Amino acid sequence: MDEVAEAVADADDARGPILALRDEVGKVVVGQEGTLSGLVAALLVRGHVLLEGVPGVAKTLVVKALAATLDLEFRRVQFTPDLMPSDVIGQTIFDARGGSFSFREGPVFTNLLLADEINRTPPKTQAALLEAMEERQVSIEGEARLLPDPFIVVATQNPVEYEGTYPLPEAQLDRFLFKLQVGYPTFEQEQEVVARHDRGLDPHDLAATGIEAVASADDLTAARARVDALRVEPAVMSYIVQLCRATRDAPSLTLGVSPRGATALLHAAKAWAWLAGRPYVTPDEVKAVTKPTLRHRIQLRPEAELEGMTADVVLDGILVAVPTPR
């Protein structure tokens, strides 16, 4: 077997367990293929994900089901108005009997953290995740404590116009690789959801559905190495930079994409290409992940919002305006 064929075989071996995640989640979740693909792609490049959608569209369920297919530690935090930062990252407590202080880890010390309804808690508690998401560590009383590897945050939020929500600050939004919009299912998909419940499906009892772990931490590490090694031609890199720089000049925006956003777009495109079985990144992969990677990194002018414009509409215009490399 020559070197090229051997490399392709290795990539296929690494891809198998990762692709199996989507089939396994399908035992519980109907539809939401785009959401699930985005979550898997984020896992491959150590990215965090923000899921936005109205209540009841399976945002939490798809994350719990994905966690069940991974042989990784999973924890969930329900964000509420009275949640404190120490409830997330942990705290130092005094042991009266021993006369000493000890650190009690918070739920952030896990591999996959579900921050459920993150925008229902005040900014102070939201900010408790900033250091964890960026540096994979938390600082308690001046001491840095490393988080497990891998460490991924998947946060859900209701649309910002809902009562009792606190919009996430730009600095925190920028830490998410993707913002995925979770919509309503199609008629056929919703009919299947109802039929499954009629047959006795209990989404709160995932074990009863037969869902099981099909990928380990080692599988994820091997897949990440393949994604990291994927080839990106200079013309495609230039295309990524041009797209991001175009947002800074868009007349309908007050805030464009930062260099962090450009690197996020690069990594997202590499994951998307690898999942599709490509040995290199094409402009098509860049286009496919542009909106989920950049929509939360730009800010519309108030007058543009009044005209009904959205971040996705602006990005669609930029994708049309920026020449695609051949």
C-alpha atoms as a PDB file:
ATOM      1  CA  MET A   1       0.000   0.000   0.000  1.00  0.00           C
ATOM      2  CA  ASP A   2       1.494   3.337  -0.995  1.00  0.00           C
ATOM      3  CA  GLU A   3       1.652   6.348   1.348  1.00  0.00           C
ATOM      4  CA  VAL A   4      -1.386   8.094  -0.133  1.00  0.00           C
ATOM      5  CA  ALA A   5      -3.615   5.015   0.116  1.00  0.00           C
ATOM      6  CA  GLU A   6      -2.393   4.372   3.646  1.00  0.00           C
ATOM      7  CA  ALA A   7      -3.234   7.937   4.690  1.00  0.00           C
ATOM      8  CA  VAL A   8      -6.734   7.602   3.220  1.00  0.00           C
ATOM      9  CA  ALA A   9      -7.263   4.311   5.065  1.00  0.00           C
ATOM     10  CA  ASP A  10      -6.136   5.870   8.341  1.00  0.00           C
ATOM     11  CA  ALA A  11      -8.542   8.771   7.827  1.00  0.00           C
ATOM     12  CA  ASP A  12     -11.409   6.362   7.170  1.00  0.00           C
ATOM     13  CA  ASP A  13     -10.588   4.377  10.314  1.00  0.00           C
ATOM     14  CA  ALA A  14     -10.644   7.560  12.388  1.00  0.00           C
ATOM     15  CA  ARG A  15     -13.847   8.815  10.747  1.00  0.00           C
ATOM     16  CA  GLY A  16     -15.914   5.698  11.445  1.00  0.00           C
ATOM     17  CA  PRO A  17     -16.571   6.185  15.181  1.00  0.00           C
ATOM     18  CA  ILE A  18     -17.233   9.910  14.683  1.00  0.00           C
ATOM     19  CA  LEU A  19     -19.796   9.359  11.934  1.00  0.00           C
ATOM     20  CA  ALA A  20     -21.407   6.670  14.102  1.00  0.00           C
ATOM     21  CA  LEU A  21     -22.279   9.374  16.635  1.00  0.00           C
ATOM     22  CA  ARG A  22     -24.910  10.820  14.303  1.00  0.00           C
ATOM     23  CA  ASP A  23     -26.587   7.470  13.689  1.00  0.00           C
ATOM     24  CA  GLU A  24     -26.695   6.707  17.397  1.00  0.00           C
ATOM     25  CA  VAL A  25     -28.239  10.077  18.289  1.00  0.00           C
ATOM     26  CA  GLY A  26     -30.905   9.347  15.664  1.00  0.00           C
ATOM     27  CA  LYS A  27     -32.320   6.701  17.997  1.00  0.00           C
ATOM     28  CA  VAL A  28     -33.626   9.537  20.141  1.00  0.00           C
ATOM     29  CA  VAL A  29     -33.649  12.755  18.108  1.00  0.00           C
ATOM     30  CA  VAL A  30     -35.677  13.151  14.924  1.00  0.00           C
ATOM     31  CA  GLY A  31     -34.242  15.589  12.391  1.00  0.00           C
ATOM     32  CA  GLN A  32     -31.848  18.301  13.612  1.00  0.00           C
ATOM     33  CA  GLU A  33     -29.158  16.941  11.261  1.00  0.00           C
ATOM     34  CA  GLY A  34     -27.603  20.381  10.855  1.00  0.00           C
ATOM     35  CA  THR A  35     -27.454  20.941  14.604  1.00  0.00           C
ATOM     36  CA  LEU A  36     -25.901  17.537  15.209  1.00  0.00           C
ATOM     37  CA  SER A  37     -23.351  17.954  12.399  1.00  0.00           C
ATOM     38  CA  GLY A  38     -22.356  21.312  13.856  1.00  0.00           C
ATOM     39  CA  LEU A  39     -21.888  19.795  17.310  1.00  0.00           C
ATOM     40  CA  VAL A  40     -19.740  16.988  15.930  1.00  0.00           C
ATOM     41  CA  ALA A  41     -17.636  19.409  13.872  1.00  0.00           C
ATOM     42  CA  ALA A  42     -17.081  21.550  16.985  1.00  0.00           C
ATOM     43  CA  LEU A  43     -15.923  18.501  18.947  1.00  0.00           C
ATOM     44  CA  LEU A  44     -13.292  17.870  16.286  1.00  0.00           C
ATOM     45  CA  VAL A  45     -11.710  21.323  16.623  1.00  0.00           C
ATOM     46  CA  ARG A  46     -12.189  21.879  20.375  1.00  0.00           C
ATOM     47  CA  GLY A  47     -14.904  24.455  19.761  1.00  0.00           C
ATOM     48  CA  HIS A  48     -17.795  25.544  21.948  1.00  0.00           C
ATOM     49  CA  VAL A  49     -21.332  25.770  20.602  1.00  0.00           C
ATOM     50  CA  LEU A  50     -24.293  28.054  21.316  1.00  0.00           C
ATOM     51  CA  LEU A  51     -27.709  26.626  20.409  1.00  0.00           C
ATOM     52  CA  GLU A  52     -30.534  29.136  20.036  1.00  0.00           C
ATOM     53  CA  GLY A  53     -34.181  28.268  19.619  1.00  0.00           C
ATOM     54  CA  VAL A  54     -37.597  28.492  21.201  1.00  0.00           C
ATOM     55  CA  PRO A  55     -38.398  26.101  24.066  1.00  0.00           C
ATOM     56  CA  GLY A  56     -39.361  22.575  23.095  1.00  0.00           C
ATOM     57  CA  VAL A  57     -37.322  22.025  19.912  1.00  0.00           C
ATOM     58  CA  ALA A  58     -34.947  19.431  21.462  1.00  0.00           C
ATOM     59  CA  LYS A  59     -31.945  21.686  22.127  1.00  0.00           C
ATOM     60  CA  THR A  60     -31.198  20.013  25.446  1.00  0.00           C
ATOM     61  CA  LEU A  61     -32.132  16.546  24.235  1.00  0.00           C
ATOM     62  CA  VAL A  62     -29.728  16.559  21.289  1.00  0.00           C
ATOM     63  CA  VAL A  63     -26.831  17.502  23.598  1.00  0.00           C
ATOM     64  CA  LYS A  64     -27.735  14.852  26.182  1.00  0.00           C
ATOM     65  CA  ALA A  65     -28.072  12.244  23.440  1.00  0.00           C
ATOM     66  CA  LEU A  66     -24.710  13.214  21.946  1.00  0.00           C
ATOM     67  CA  ALA A  67     -23.111  12.970  25.385  1.00  0.00           C
ATOM     68  CA  ALA A  68     -24.542   9.462  25.768  1.00  0.00           C
ATOM     69  CA  THR A  69     -22.778   8.379  22.568  1.00  0.00           C
ATOM     70  CA  LEU A  70     -19.386   9.577  23.849  1.00  0.00           C
ATOM     71  CA  ASP A  71     -17.350   7.806  26.489  1.00  0.00           C
ATOM     72  CA  LEU A  72     -16.720  11.139  28.206  1.00  0.00           C
ATOM     73  CA  GLU A  73     -17.826  12.763  31.446  1.00  0.00           C
ATOM     74  CA  PHE A  74     -20.924  14.931  31.035  1.00  0.00           C
ATOM     75  CA  ARG A  75     -22.503  17.463  33.367  1.00  0.00           C
ATOM     76  CA  ARG A  76     -25.423  19.817  33.030  1.00  0.00           C
ATOM     77  CA  VAL A  77     -26.000  23.174  34.729  1.00  0.00           C
ATOM     78  CA  GLN A  78     -29.434  24.769  34.607  1.00  0.00           C
ATOM     79  CA  PHE A  79     -28.750  28.496  34.489  1.00  0.00           C
ATOM     80  CA  THR A  80     -31.211  30.505  36.595  1.00  0.00           C
ATOM     81  CA  PRO A  81     -31.376  34.132  37.793  1.00  0.00           C
ATOM     82  CA  ASP A  82     -30.029  33.179  41.240  1.00  0.00           C
ATOM     83  CA  LEU A  83     -27.108  31.025  40.026  1.00  0.00           C
ATOM     84  CA  MET A  84     -23.761  32.181  41.413  1.00  0.00           C
ATOM     85  CA  PRO A  85     -20.312  31.914  39.744  1.00  0.00           C
ATOM     86  CA  SER A  86     -19.193  29.511  42.479  1.00  0.00           C
ATOM     87  CA  ASP A  87     -22.081  27.216  41.520  1.00  0.00           C
ATOM     88  CA  VAL A  88     -20.373  26.777  38.144  1.00  0.00           C
ATOM     89  CA  ILE A  89     -16.615  26.836  38.772  1.00  0.00           C
ATOM     90  CA  GLY A  90     -16.489  25.678  42.413  1.00  0.00           C
ATOM     91  CA  GLN A  91     -15.299  27.241  45.632  1.00  0.00           C
ATOM     92  CA  THR A  92     -12.840  26.961  48.493  1.00  0.00           C
ATOM     93  CA  ILE A  93     -14.461  25.708  51.704  1.00  0.00           C
ATOM     94  CA  PHE A  94     -13.181  25.547  55.271  1.00  0.00           C
ATOM     95  CA  ASP A  95     -13.114  22.204  57.071  1.00  0.00           C
ATOM     96  CA  ALA A  96     -13.692  23.054  60.711  1.00  0.00           C
ATOM     97  CA  ARG A  97     -12.675  19.605  61.914  1.00  0.00           C
ATOM     98  CA  GLY A  98      -9.386  19.565  60.021  1.00  0.00           C
ATOM     99  CA  GLY A  99      -8.796  23.284  60.386  1.00  0.00           C
ATOM    100  CA  SER A 100      -7.877  23.652  56.723  1.00  0.00           C
ATOM    101  CA  PHE A 101      -9.277  24.871  53.422  1.00  0.00           C
ATOM    102  CA  SER A 102     -10.049  22.613  50.470  1.00  0.00           C
ATOM    103  CA  PHE A 103     -11.355  23.209  46.954  1.00  0.00           C
ATOM    104  CA  ARG A 104     -14.666  21.743  45.910  1.00  0.00           C
ATOM    105  CA  GLU A 105     -14.859  21.447  42.134  1.00  0.00           C
ATOM    106  CA  GLY A 106     -17.866  22.847  40.321  1.00  0.00           C
ATOM    107  CA  PRO A 107     -19.605  21.173  37.374  1.00  0.00           C
ATOM    108  CA  VAL A 108     -17.260  22.973  34.955  1.00  0.00           C
ATOM    109  CA  PHE A 109     -14.693  20.255  35.744  1.00  0.00           C
ATOM    110  CA  THR A 110     -15.947  17.827  33.133  1.00  0.00           C
ATOM    111  CA  ASN A 111     -15.436  16.936  29.462  1.00  0.00           C
ATOM    112  CA  LEU A 112     -18.774  18.077  28.049  1.00  0.00           C
ATOM    113  CA  LEU A 113     -20.652  20.802  29.907  1.00  0.00           C
ATOM    114  CA  LEU A 114     -24.235  21.648  29.010  1.00  0.00           C
ATOM    115  CA  ALA A 115     -24.974  25.232  30.070  1.00  0.00           C
ATOM    116  CA  ASP A 116     -28.740  25.095  29.750  1.00  0.00           C
ATOM    117  CA  GLU A 117     -30.567  28.397  29.136  1.00  0.00           C
ATOM    118  CA  ILE A 118     -27.357  30.342  29.684  1.00  0.00           C
ATOM    119  CA  ASN A 119     -29.047  33.684  29.004  1.00  0.00           C
ATOM    120  CA  ARG A 120     -31.390  33.316  31.968  1.00  0.00           C
ATOM    121  CA  THR A 121     -28.592  34.063  34.420  1.00  0.00           C
ATOM    122  CA  PRO A 122     -27.030  37.524  35.037  1.00  0.00           C
ATOM    123  CA  PRO A 123     -23.811  38.586  33.266  1.00  0.00           C
ATOM    124  CA  LYS A 124     -21.648  38.004  36.363  1.00  0.00           C
ATOM    125  CA  THR A 125     -22.393  34.282  36.304  1.00  0.00           C
ATOM    126  CA  GLN A 126     -22.203  34.093  32.522  1.00  0.00           C
ATOM    127  CA  ALA A 127     -18.708  35.576  32.770  1.00  0.00           C
ATOM    128  CA  ALA A 128     -17.633  32.737  35.072  1.00  0.00           C
ATOM    129  CA  LEU A 129     -17.303  30.604  31.956  1.00  0.00           C
ATOM    130  CA  LEU A 130     -15.123  33.049  30.006  1.00  0.00           C
ATOM    131  CA  GLU A 131     -11.741  31.884  31.278  1.00  0.00           C
ATOM    132  CA  ALA A 132     -12.808  28.241  31.148  1.00  0.00           C
ATOM    133  CA  MET A 133     -13.886  28.494  27.511  1.00  0.00           C
ATOM    134  CA  GLU A 134     -10.806  30.384  26.341  1.00  0.00           C
ATOM    135  CA  GLU A 135      -7.974  28.924  28.419  1.00  0.00           C
ATOM    136  CA  ARG A 136      -9.412  25.582  29.574  1.00  0.00           C
ATOM    137  CA  GLN A 137      -8.774  26.575  33.176  1.00  0.00           C
ATOM    138  CA  VAL A 138     -10.392  28.475  36.029  1.00  0.00           C
ATOM    139  CA  SER A 139      -8.728  30.749  38.575  1.00  0.00           C
ATOM    140  CA  ILE A 140      -9.792  30.468  42.186  1.00  0.00           C
ATOM    141  CA  GLU A 141      -8.225  32.913  44.658  1.00  0.00           C
ATOM    142  CA  GLY A 142      -5.283  33.476  42.323  1.00  0.00           C
ATOM    143  CA  GLU A 143      -4.620  29.795  41.651  1.00  0.00           C
ATOM    144  CA  ALA A 144      -5.174  28.418  38.141  1.00  0.00           C
ATOM    145  CA  ARG A 145      -6.799  24.982  37.964  1.00  0.00           C
ATOM    146  CA  LEU A 146      -6.702  23.111  34.675  1.00  0.00           C
ATOM    147  CA  LEU A 147      -9.870  21.598  33.265  1.00  0.00           C
ATOM    148  CA  PRO A 148     -10.046  18.071  31.842  1.00  0.00           C
ATOM    149  CA  ASP A 149      -9.103  17.431  28.231  1.00  0.00           C
ATOM    150  CA  PRO A 150     -11.233  17.434  26.164  1.00  0.00           C
ATOM    151  CA  PHE A 151     -13.391  20.266  27.496  1.00  0.00           C
ATOM    152  CA  ILE A 152     -16.335  21.517  25.462  1.00  0.00           C
ATOM    153  CA  VAL A 153     -19.169  23.872  26.441  1.00  0.00           C
ATOM    154  CA  VAL A 154     -22.509  23.543  24.694  1.00  0.00           C
ATOM    155  CA  ALA A 155     -24.864  26.314  25.773  1.00  0.00           C
ATOM    156  CA  THR A 156     -28.534  26.691  24.954  1.00  0.00           C
ATOM    157  CA  GLN A 157     -30.451  29.931  24.974  1.00  0.00           C
ATOM    158  CA  ASN A 158     -33.908  31.187  24.177  1.00  0.00           C
ATOM    159  CA  PRO A 159     -34.234  33.993  21.617  1.00  0.00           C
ATOM    160  CA  VAL A 160     -33.130  37.272  23.189  1.00  0.00           C
ATOM    161  CA  GLU A 161     -36.532  38.875  22.873  1.00  0.00           C
ATOM    162  CA  TYR A 162     -37.993  36.443  25.420  1.00  0.00           C
ATOM    163  CA  GLU A 163     -38.749  37.763  28.915  1.00  0.00           C
ATOM    164  CA  GLY A 164     -36.241  37.112  31.677  1.00  0.00           C
ATOM    165  CA  THR A 165     -33.187  36.835  29.425  1.00  0.00           C
ATOM    166  CA  TYR A 166     -29.823  38.579  29.643  1.00  0.00           C
ATOM    167  CA  PRO A 167     -28.051  38.991  26.273  1.00  0.00           C
ATOM    168  CA  LEU A 168     -24.577  37.442  26.219  1.00  0.00           C
ATOM    169  CA  PRO A 169     -21.791  40.051  25.951  1.00  0.00           C
ATOM    170  CA  GLU A 170     -19.751  40.193  22.740  1.00  0.00           C
ATOM    171  CA  ALA A 171     -16.632  38.902  24.514  1.00  0.00           C
ATOM    172  CA  GLN A 172     -18.423  35.722  25.495  1.00  0.00           C
ATOM    173  CA  LEU A 173     -20.186  35.229  22.181  1.00  0.00           C
ATOM    174  CA  ASP A 174     -16.782  35.384  20.493  1.00  0.00           C
ATOM    175  CA  ARG A 175     -15.681  32.328  22.490  1.00  0.00           C
ATOM    176  CA  PHE A 176     -18.250  30.125  20.746  1.00  0.00           C
ATOM    177  CA  LEU A 177     -17.131  28.467  17.540  1.00  0.00           C
ATOM    178  CA  PHE A 178     -20.708  28.135  16.279  1.00  0.00           C
ATOM    179  CA  LYS A 179     -24.048  29.722  16.946  1.00  0.00           C
ATOM    180  CA  LEU A 180     -26.551  27.202  15.631  1.00  0.00           C
ATOM    181  CA  GLN A 181     -30.194  28.152  15.201  1.00  0.00           C
ATOM    182  CA  VAL A 182     -32.479  25.279  16.127  1.00  0.00           C
ATOM    183  CA  GLY A 183     -35.797  25.579  14.332  1.00  0.00           C
ATOM    184  CA  TYR A 184     -39.060  23.705  14.237  1.00  0.00           C
ATOM    185  CA  PRO A 185     -39.121  20.241  12.624  1.00  0.00           C
ATOM    186  CA  THR A 186     -40.837  19.556   9.326  1.00  0.00           C
ATOM    187  CA  PHE A 187     -44.361  18.131   9.326  1.00  0.00           C
ATOM    188  CA  GLU A 188     -43.030  14.612   8.698  1.00  0.00           C
ATOM    189  CA  GLN A 189     -40.405  14.913  11.411  1.00  0.00           C
ATOM    190  CA  GLU A 190     -42.893  16.224  13.964  1.00  0.00           C
ATOM    191  CA  GLN A 191     -45.253  13.395  13.074  1.00  0.00           C
ATOM    192  CA  GLU A 192     -42.437  10.918  13.762  1.00  0.00           C
ATOM    193  CA  VAL A 193     -41.709  12.606  17.109  1.00  0.00           C
ATOM    194  CA  VAL A 194     -45.338  12.198  18.155  1.00  0.00           C
ATOM    195  CA  ALA A 195     -45.373   8.583  16.929  1.00  0.00           C
ATOM    196  CA  ARG A 196     -42.271   7.729  18.950  1.00  0.00           C
ATOM    197  CA  HIS A 197     -43.809   9.163  22.088  1.00  0.00           C
ATOM    198  CA  ASP A 198     -46.952   7.167  21.373  1.00  0.00           C
ATOM    199  CA  ARG A 199     -44.771   4.023  21.263  1.00  0.00           C
ATOM    200  CA  GLY A 200     -43.418   4.846  24.706  1.00  0.00           C
ATOM    201  CA  LEU A 201     -40.296   6.928  24.084  1.00  0.00           C
ATOM    202  CA  ASP A 202     -39.200   8.715  27.251  1.00  0.00           C
ATOM    203  CA  PRO A 203     -36.584  11.388  26.383  1.00  0.00           C
ATOM    204  CA  HIS A 204     -35.655  11.551  30.064  1.00  0.00           C
ATOM    205  CA  ASP A 205     -34.614   7.878  30.066  1.00  0.00           C
ATOM    206  CA  LEU A 206     -31.994   7.642  27.337  1.00  0.00           C
ATOM    207  CA  ALA A 207     -30.760   4.252  28.526  1.00  0.00           C
ATOM    208  CA  ALA A 208     -34.135   2.707  27.670  1.00  0.00           C
ATOM    209  CA  THR A 209     -33.771   3.814  24.038  1.00  0.00           C
ATOM    210  CA  GLY A 210     -30.730   1.596  23.525  1.00  0.00           C
ATOM    211  CA  ILE A 211     -28.412   4.508  22.854  1.00  0.00           C
ATOM    212  CA  GLU A 212     -24.818   3.703  23.781  1.00  0.00           C
ATOM    213  CA  ALA A 213     -21.306   5.103  23.640  1.00  0.00           C
ATOM    214  CA  VAL A 214     -19.755   4.513  20.211  1.00  0.00           C
ATOM    215  CA  ALA A 215     -16.723   6.822  20.418  1.00  0.00           C
ATOM    216  CA  SER A 216     -14.070   7.205  23.092  1.00  0.00           C
ATOM    217  CA  ALA A 217     -11.683   9.977  24.056  1.00  0.00           C
ATOM    218  CA  ASP A 218      -8.992   8.158  22.057  1.00  0.00           C
ATOM    219  CA  ASP A 219     -11.253   8.114  18.980  1.00  0.00           C
ATOM    220  CA  LEU A 220     -11.784  11.844  19.341  1.00  0.00           C
ATOM    221  CA  THR A 221      -8.049  12.468  19.747  1.00  0.00           C
ATOM    222  CA  ALA A 222      -7.283  10.452  16.608  1.00  0.00           C
ATOM    223  CA  ALA A 223      -9.945  12.295  14.617  1.00  0.00           C
ATOM    224  CA  ARG A 224      -8.682  15.670  15.805  1.00  0.00           C
ATOM    225  CA  ALA A 225      -5.187  14.818  14.607  1.00  0.00           C
ATOM    226  CA  ARG A 226      -6.565  14.046  11.129  1.00  0.00           C
ATOM    227  CA  VAL A 227      -8.504  17.309  11.028  1.00  0.00           C
ATOM    228  CA  ASP A 228      -5.497  19.331  12.183  1.00  0.00           C
ATOM    229  CA  ALA A 229      -3.419  17.798   9.384  1.00  0.00           C
ATOM    230  CA  LEU A 230      -5.924  18.628   6.636  1.00  0.00           C
ATOM    231  CA  ARG A 231      -4.443  20.675   3.794  1.00  0.00           C
ATOM    232  CA  VAL A 232      -5.594  24.256   3.184  1.00  0.00           C
ATOM    233  CA  GLU A 233      -4.331  26.002   0.054  1.00  0.00           C
ATOM    234  CA  PRO A 234      -3.189  29.653   0.291  1.00  0.00           C
ATOM    235  CA  ALA A 235      -6.053  30.722  -2.004  1.00  0.00           C
ATOM    236  CA  VAL A 236      -8.611  29.255   0.409  1.00  0.00           C
ATOM    237  CA  MET A 237      -6.912  30.905   3.393  1.00  0.00           C
ATOM    238  CA  SER A 238      -7.020  34.202   1.516  1.00  0.00           C
ATOM    239  CA  TYR A 239     -10.727  33.651   0.831  1.00  0.00           C
ATOM    240  CA  ILE A 240     -11.385  33.180   4.546  1.00  0.00           C
ATOM    241  CA  VAL A 241      -9.549  36.405   5.396  1.00  0.00           C
ATOM    242  CA  GLN A 242     -11.364  38.342   2.670  1.00  0.00           C
ATOM    243  CA  LEU A 243     -14.764  37.210   3.958  1.00  0.00           C
ATOM    244  CA  CYS A 244     -13.950  38.293   7.501  1.00  0.00           C
ATOM    245  CA  ARG A 245     -12.459  41.629   6.472  1.00  0.00           C
ATOM    246  CA  ALA A 246     -15.517  42.349   4.333  1.00  0.00           C
ATOM    247  CA  THR A 247     -17.681  42.333   7.476  1.00  0.00           C
ATOM    248  CA  ARG A 248     -15.636  45.234   8.879  1.00  0.00           C
ATOM    249  CA  ASP A 249     -16.521  47.379   5.877  1.00  0.00           C
ATOM    250  CA  ALA A 250     -20.196  46.394   5.627  1.00  0.00           C
ATOM    251  CA  PRO A 251     -22.311  49.575   5.954  1.00  0.00           C
ATOM    252  CA  SER A 252     -25.073  47.757   7.863  1.00  0.00           C
ATOM    253  CA  LEU A 253     -22.715  46.578  10.636  1.00  0.00           C
ATOM    254  CA  THR A 254     -21.217  48.364  13.626  1.00  0.00           C
ATOM    255  CA  LEU A 255     -19.000  45.414  14.545  1.00  0.00           C
ATOM    256  CA  GLY A 256     -17.187  43.133  12.127  1.00  0.00           C
ATOM    257  CA  VAL A 257     -15.391  39.833  12.587  1.00  0.00           C
ATOM    258  CA  SER A 258     -12.119  39.817  14.543  1.00  0.00           C
ATOM    259  CA  PRO A 259      -9.020  37.767  13.637  1.00  0.00           C
ATOM    260  CA  ARG A 260     -10.246  35.203  16.186  1.00  0.00           C
ATOM    261  CA  GLY A 261     -13.296  34.774  13.960  1.00  0.00           C
ATOM    262  CA  ALA A 262     -11.084  34.200  10.917  1.00  0.00           C
ATOM    263  CA  THR A 263      -9.167  31.417  12.662  1.00  0.00           C
ATOM    264  CA  ALA A 264     -12.464  29.930  13.853  1.00  0.00           C
ATOM    265  CA  LEU A 265     -13.717  29.873  10.265  1.00  0.00           C
ATOM    266  CA  LEU A 266     -10.538  28.090   9.176  1.00  0.00           C
ATOM    267  CA  HIS A 267     -10.886  25.360  11.817  1.00  0.00           C
ATOM    268  CA  ALA A 268     -14.607  24.950  11.192  1.00  0.00           C
ATOM    269  CA  ALA A 269     -14.031  24.510   7.453  1.00  0.00           C
ATOM    270  CA  LYS A 270     -11.353  21.884   8.115  1.00  0.00           C
ATOM    271  CA  ALA A 271     -13.717  19.884  10.327  1.00  0.00           C
ATOM    272  CA  TRP A 272     -16.520  20.147   7.751  1.00  0.00           C
ATOM    273  CA  ALA A 273     -14.222  18.960   4.955  1.00  0.00           C
ATOM    274  CA  TRP A 274     -12.933  16.009   6.991  1.00  0.00           C
ATOM    275  CA  LEU A 275     -16.440  14.884   7.890  1.00  0.00           C
ATOM    276  CA  ALA A 276     -17.284  14.974   4.176  1.00  0.00           C
ATOM    277  CA  GLY A 277     -14.300  12.748   3.417  1.00  0.00           C
ATOM    278  CA  ARG A 278     -12.169  15.370   1.684  1.00  0.00           C
ATOM    279  CA  PRO A 279      -8.363  15.407   2.124  1.00  0.00           C
ATOM    280  CA  TYR A 280      -8.302  19.197   1.718  1.00  0.00           C
ATOM    281  CA  VAL A 281     -10.533  22.251   2.252  1.00  0.00           C
ATOM    282  CA  THR A 282     -12.446  23.792  -0.659  1.00  0.00           C
ATOM    283  CA  PRO A 283     -14.325  27.116  -0.801  1.00  0.00           C
ATOM    284  CA  ASP A 284     -17.558  25.097  -0.540  1.00  0.00           C
ATOM    285  CA  GLU A 285     -16.707  24.043   3.023  1.00  0.00           C
ATOM    286  CA  VAL A 286     -15.868  27.638   3.906  1.00  0.00           C
ATOM    287  CA  LYS A 287     -19.241  28.794   2.574  1.00  0.00           C
ATOM    288  CA  ALA A 288     -21.080  26.005   4.401  1.00  0.00           C
ATOM    289  CA  VAL A 289     -19.813  27.097   7.815  1.00  0.00           C
ATOM    290  CA  THR A 290     -19.610  30.879   7.313  1.00  0.00           C
ATOM    291  CA  LYS A 291     -22.997  31.764   8.816  1.00  0.00           C
ATOM    292  CA  PRO A 292     -22.871  29.524  11.917  1.00  0.00           C
ATOM    293  CA  THR A 293     -19.271  30.625  12.566  1.00  0.00           C
ATOM    294  CA  LEU A 294     -19.717  34.364  12.030  1.00  0.00           C
ATOM    295  CA  ARG A 295     -23.361  35.280  12.719  1.00  0.00           C
ATOM    296  CA  HIS A 296     -22.726  35.876  16.435  1.00  0.00           C
ATOM    297  CA  ARG A 297     -19.507  37.829  15.843  1.00  0.00           C
ATOM    298  CA  ILE A 298     -21.097  40.732  13.966  1.00  0.00           C
ATOM    299  CA  GLN A 299     -23.410  43.478  15.167  1.00  0.00           C
ATOM    300  CA  LEU A 300     -26.101  45.198  13.128  1.00  0.00           C
ATOM    301  CA  ARG A 301     -26.680  48.914  13.106  1.00  0.00           C
ATOM    302  CA  PRO A 302     -29.997  49.847  14.787  1.00  0.00           C
ATOM    303  CA  GLU A 303     -31.396  51.242  11.544  1.00  0.00           C
ATOM    304  CA  ALA A 304     -30.564  47.988   9.741  1.00  0.00           C
ATOM    305  CA  GLU A 305     -32.441  46.016  12.398  1.00  0.00           C
ATOM    306  CA  LEU A 306     -35.444  48.320  12.016  1.00  0.00           C
ATOM    307  CA  GLU A 307     -35.437  47.521   8.314  1.00  0.00           C
ATOM    308  CA  GLY A 308     -35.700  43.819   9.159  1.00  0.00           C
ATOM    309  CA  MET A 309     -32.145  42.926   8.231  1.00  0.00           C
ATOM    310  CA  THR A 310     -30.451  40.004  10.019  1.00  0.00           C
ATOM    311  CA  ALA A 311     -26.883  38.856  10.466  1.00  0.00           C
ATOM    312  CA  ASP A 312     -27.491  35.972   8.071  1.00  0.00           C
ATOM    313  CA  VAL A 313     -28.772  38.330   5.375  1.00  0.00           C
ATOM    314  CA  VAL A 314     -25.625  40.439   5.678  1.00  0.00           C
ATOM    315  CA  LEU A 315     -23.408  37.350   5.490  1.00  0.00           C
ATOM    316  CA  ASP A 316     -25.301  36.078   2.443  1.00  0.00           C
ATOM    317  CA  GLY A 317     -24.541  39.380   0.729  1.00  0.00           C
ATOM    318  CA  ILE A 318     -20.861  39.145   1.611  1.00  0.00           C
ATOM    319  CA  LEU A 319     -20.664  35.574   0.309  1.00  0.00           C
ATOM    320  CA  VAL A 320     -22.046  36.813  -3.004  1.00  0.00           C
ATOM    321  CA  ALA A 321     -19.786  39.879  -3.151  1.00  0.00           C
ATOM    322  CA  VAL A 322     -16.446  38.254  -2.299  1.00  0.00           C
ATOM    323  CA  PRO A 323     -15.049  36.364  -5.323  1.00  0.00           C
ATOM    324  CA  THR A 324     -14.780  32.609  -4.852  1.00  0.00           C
ATOM    325  CA  PRO A 325     -11.295  31.243  -5.641  1.00  0.00           C
ATOM    326  CA  ARG A 326     -11.111  28.745  -8.489  1.00  0.00           C
END
